[in-house]
């Protein structure tokens, strides 16, 4: 998958969410909802990391689906991109800029 495919999916999912939850939500409400959702997804990823490291309750370890960890990483990425979209962040441009900045750190050493 290429990033352009992911960003096209984000456009589609953004419209689906607006249609599902109503277009009457304000931009501020949408940003807050997506921030809260990102926090929820991060909590779910943290739970999966605890399970991965065997640092979770026995019941959770026994009833665990190994696919969950990978899906939680995907949920974090998608939710982050939806939040960036709600805040008009050009994620493609900012990622390029950030990668250049990181690369320059290593070039200077």
Protein backbone atom coordinates (compact mmCIF):
# COMPACT_ATOMS: atom_id res chain seq x y z
CA UNK A 1 0.00 0.00 0.00
CA UNK A 2 1.14 3.51 -0.75
CA UNK A 3 0.44 6.56 1.38
CA UNK A 4 -1.78 8.03 -1.34
CA UNK A 5 -4.05 4.97 -1.02
CA UNK A 6 -4.22 5.46 2.73
CA UNK A 7 -5.02 9.15 2.36
CA UNK A 8 -7.78 8.35 -0.16
CA UNK A 9 -9.23 5.92 2.38
CA UNK A 10 -9.08 8.66 5.04
CA UNK A 11 -11.05 11.00 2.75
CA UNK A 12 -13.69 8.30 2.26
CA UNK A 13 -13.83 7.34 5.95
CA UNK A 14 -14.05 10.99 6.98
CA UNK A 15 -17.12 11.43 4.78
CA UNK A 16 -18.64 8.18 6.08
CA UNK A 17 -18.20 9.35 9.68
CA UNK A 18 -19.72 12.75 8.93
CA UNK A 19 -22.68 11.07 7.22
CA UNK A 20 -23.11 8.56 10.06
CA UNK A 21 -22.80 10.93 13.00
CA UNK A 22 -24.39 13.87 11.28
CA UNK A 23 -22.96 16.79 9.44
CA UNK A 24 -24.34 19.12 12.11
CA UNK A 25 -21.26 18.52 14.30
CA UNK A 26 -19.06 21.55 14.47
CA UNK A 27 -15.38 21.39 13.58
CA UNK A 28 -14.55 21.82 17.26
CA UNK A 29 -16.80 18.90 18.25
CA UNK A 30 -15.32 16.70 15.52
CA UNK A 31 -11.77 17.48 16.68
CA UNK A 32 -12.67 16.71 20.29
CA UNK A 33 -14.41 13.45 19.37
CA UNK A 34 -11.47 12.29 17.27
CA UNK A 35 -9.00 13.21 20.00
CA UNK A 36 -10.99 11.19 22.52
CA UNK A 37 -11.20 8.31 20.02
CA UNK A 38 -7.42 8.42 19.55
CA UNK A 39 -6.98 8.18 23.32
CA UNK A 40 -9.32 5.19 23.38
CA UNK A 41 -7.37 3.48 20.61
CA UNK A 42 -4.09 4.17 22.38
CA UNK A 43 -5.47 2.50 25.50
CA UNK A 44 -6.42 -0.55 23.45
CA UNK A 45 -2.92 -0.67 21.95
CA UNK A 46 -1.41 -0.42 25.43
CA UNK A 47 -3.53 -3.37 26.53
CA UNK A 48 -2.28 -5.40 23.57
CA UNK A 49 1.32 -4.50 24.42
CA UNK A 50 0.77 -5.69 27.99
CA UNK A 51 -0.59 -8.96 26.64
CA UNK A 52 2.31 -9.26 24.18
CA UNK A 53 4.75 -8.90 27.08
CA UNK A 54 2.70 -11.33 29.21
CA UNK A 55 2.09 -8.53 31.76
CA UNK A 56 -1.69 -8.87 31.77
CA UNK A 57 -4.19 -10.88 33.82
CA UNK A 58 -4.36 -14.62 33.12
CA UNK A 59 -7.93 -14.37 31.72
CA UNK A 60 -6.87 -11.74 29.19
CA UNK A 61 -3.83 -13.78 28.18
CA UNK A 62 -5.96 -16.90 27.65
CA UNK A 63 -8.71 -15.16 25.65
CA UNK A 64 -6.37 -13.21 23.41
CA UNK A 65 -6.47 -13.00 19.63
CA UNK A 66 -2.96 -12.44 18.24
CA UNK A 67 -4.35 -10.33 15.38
CA UNK A 68 -5.50 -7.65 17.83
CA UNK A 69 -2.04 -6.11 18.26
CA UNK A 70 -1.65 -5.49 14.54
CA UNK A 71 -5.19 -4.13 14.25
CA UNK A 72 -4.62 -1.71 17.11
CA UNK A 73 -1.58 -0.26 15.34
CA UNK A 74 -3.77 0.24 12.26
CA UNK A 75 -6.51 1.84 14.37
CA UNK A 76 -3.99 4.32 15.81
CA UNK A 77 -2.74 5.30 12.35
CA UNK A 78 -6.24 5.68 10.88
CA UNK A 79 -7.59 7.61 13.85
CA UNK A 80 -4.53 9.90 13.88
CA UNK A 81 -4.98 10.63 10.18
CA UNK A 82 -8.68 11.37 10.70
CA UNK A 83 -7.79 13.80 13.48
CA UNK A 84 -5.15 15.44 11.27
CA UNK A 85 -7.76 15.80 8.52
CA UNK A 86 -10.22 17.42 10.95
CA UNK A 87 -7.50 19.92 11.85
CA UNK A 88 -6.51 20.59 8.21
CA UNK A 89 -3.01 19.14 8.61
CA UNK A 90 -1.31 18.24 5.32
CA UNK A 91 -0.05 14.93 6.65
CA UNK A 92 1.87 14.05 3.49
CA UNK A 93 3.73 17.34 3.52
CA UNK A 94 4.41 17.34 7.24
CA UNK A 95 5.68 13.73 7.14
CA UNK A 96 8.14 14.61 4.39
CA UNK A 97 9.32 17.64 6.33
CA UNK A 98 9.72 15.62 9.53
CA UNK A 99 11.59 12.80 7.79
CA UNK A 100 13.98 15.34 6.26
CA UNK A 101 14.55 16.85 9.71
CA UNK A 102 15.29 13.43 11.22
CA UNK A 103 17.59 12.48 8.35
CA UNK A 104 19.54 15.72 8.78
CA UNK A 105 20.24 14.80 12.41
CA UNK A 106 22.07 11.70 11.24
CA UNK A 107 23.80 13.48 8.38
CA UNK A 108 25.36 15.90 10.86
CA UNK A 109 26.98 13.15 12.92
